[in-house]
Every structure is written in C-alpha cells, then in structure tokens.
Amino acid sequence: CKLRKKLASATDGNHYIETVWGRGYVLRDPAEQKSVA
C-alpha cells in the first residue's frame, strides 16, 4: 500500500500497480494507459 501511494504521488495521481485476483500484482506501462485514454 505504501509503494502504491508513493508511486501515485510521484506520477500526478496515476496508478500503475494493479491487483490481479488469484495472480498477484501487475505493473502497468504508463504509455499503454495514455494510448487507451
């Protein structure tokens, strides 16, 4: 939880770590999120 908060504060509130149920965590690519938006 602390790592998520630190990354969010360093990246203007963007969330790059997601929880995948049954698998663990995924670190999302920032460029991938911009192309979707």
N, C-alpha and C. Protein backbone atom coordinates (compact mmCIF):
# COMPACT_ATOMS: atom_id res chain seq x y z
N CYS A 1 0.82 -1.19 0.00
CA CYS A 1 0.00 0.00 0.00
C CYS A 1 0.88 1.26 0.00
N LYS A 2 1.96 1.24 0.73
CA LYS A 2 2.84 2.41 0.78
C LYS A 2 3.50 2.66 -0.57
N LEU A 3 3.88 1.58 -1.25
CA LEU A 3 4.51 1.74 -2.56
C LEU A 3 3.53 2.33 -3.56
N ARG A 4 2.29 1.88 -3.53
CA ARG A 4 1.26 2.44 -4.42
C ARG A 4 1.10 3.94 -4.18
N LYS A 5 1.04 4.35 -2.92
CA LYS A 5 0.87 5.77 -2.58
C LYS A 5 2.06 6.60 -3.04
N LYS A 6 3.26 6.08 -2.86
CA LYS A 6 4.45 6.82 -3.27
C LYS A 6 4.52 6.95 -4.79
N LEU A 7 4.19 5.89 -5.51
CA LEU A 7 4.17 5.97 -6.97
C LEU A 7 3.08 6.93 -7.45
N ALA A 8 1.93 6.89 -6.82
CA ALA A 8 0.84 7.78 -7.22
C ALA A 8 1.21 9.24 -6.98
N SER A 9 1.86 9.53 -5.86
CA SER A 9 2.23 10.92 -5.59
C SER A 9 3.35 11.39 -6.52
N ALA A 10 4.20 10.48 -6.96
CA ALA A 10 5.29 10.85 -7.86
C ALA A 10 4.84 10.96 -9.31
N THR A 11 3.67 10.43 -9.64
CA THR A 11 3.21 10.42 -11.03
C THR A 11 1.88 11.15 -11.20
N ASP A 12 1.66 12.19 -10.43
CA ASP A 12 0.46 13.02 -10.52
C ASP A 12 -0.83 12.23 -10.33
N GLY A 13 -0.81 11.24 -9.44
CA GLY A 13 -2.02 10.51 -9.10
C GLY A 13 -2.34 9.31 -9.98
N ASN A 14 -1.49 9.01 -10.94
CA ASN A 14 -1.73 7.84 -11.79
C ASN A 14 -1.39 6.57 -11.02
N HIS A 15 -2.19 5.54 -11.22
CA HIS A 15 -1.98 4.27 -10.52
C HIS A 15 -1.42 3.25 -11.51
N TYR A 16 -0.20 2.81 -11.25
CA TYR A 16 0.46 1.87 -12.15
C TYR A 16 0.49 0.45 -11.61
N ILE A 17 0.24 0.27 -10.31
CA ILE A 17 0.22 -1.07 -9.73
C ILE A 17 -1.23 -1.49 -9.56
N GLU A 18 -1.58 -2.63 -10.17
CA GLU A 18 -2.93 -3.15 -10.04
C GLU A 18 -2.89 -4.54 -9.44
N THR A 19 -3.92 -4.88 -8.69
CA THR A 19 -4.03 -6.21 -8.11
C THR A 19 -4.82 -7.09 -9.06
N VAL A 20 -4.26 -8.24 -9.40
CA VAL A 20 -4.94 -9.21 -10.24
C VAL A 20 -5.32 -10.38 -9.35
N TRP A 21 -6.62 -10.58 -9.17
CA TRP A 21 -7.11 -11.59 -8.26
C TRP A 21 -6.61 -12.97 -8.68
N GLY A 22 -6.04 -13.68 -7.73
CA GLY A 22 -5.56 -15.03 -7.97
C GLY A 22 -4.17 -15.10 -8.58
N ARG A 23 -3.59 -13.97 -8.96
CA ARG A 23 -2.28 -13.95 -9.60
C ARG A 23 -1.26 -13.15 -8.80
N GLY A 24 -1.67 -11.97 -8.34
CA GLY A 24 -0.74 -11.11 -7.62
C GLY A 24 -0.89 -9.67 -8.08
N TYR A 25 0.23 -9.06 -8.42
CA TYR A 25 0.23 -7.65 -8.80
C TYR A 25 0.77 -7.48 -10.21
N VAL A 26 0.32 -6.40 -10.86
CA VAL A 26 0.76 -6.08 -12.22
C VAL A 26 1.21 -4.63 -12.22
N LEU A 27 2.36 -4.37 -12.81
CA LEU A 27 2.85 -3.01 -13.00
C LEU A 27 2.49 -2.60 -14.43
N ARG A 28 1.62 -1.62 -14.56
CA ARG A 28 1.14 -1.17 -15.87
C ARG A 28 2.11 -0.19 -16.50
N ASP A 29 2.18 -0.23 -17.82
CA ASP A 29 3.03 0.66 -18.60
C ASP A 29 2.33 2.02 -18.75
N PRO A 30 2.98 3.12 -18.38
CA PRO A 30 2.35 4.44 -18.49
C PRO A 30 1.96 4.79 -19.92
N ALA A 31 2.75 4.40 -20.91
CA ALA A 31 2.44 4.70 -22.30
C ALA A 31 1.18 3.96 -22.74
N GLU A 32 0.96 2.78 -22.22
CA GLU A 32 -0.23 1.99 -22.55
C GLU A 32 -1.49 2.68 -22.06
N GLN A 33 -1.45 3.29 -20.89
CA GLN A 33 -2.61 3.97 -20.34
C GLN A 33 -2.93 5.25 -21.11
N LYS A 34 -1.93 5.94 -21.60
CA LYS A 34 -2.17 7.17 -22.36
C LYS A 34 -2.81 6.87 -23.70
N SER A 35 -2.44 5.76 -24.36
CA SER A 35 -3.00 5.43 -25.66
C SER A 35 -4.45 4.99 -25.54
N VAL A 36 -4.85 4.43 -24.40
CA VAL A 36 -6.22 3.99 -24.19
C VAL A 36 -7.13 5.19 -23.94
N ALA A 37 -6.63 6.20 -23.26
CA ALA A 37 -7.45 7.37 -22.89
C ALA A 37 -7.80 8.25 -24.05
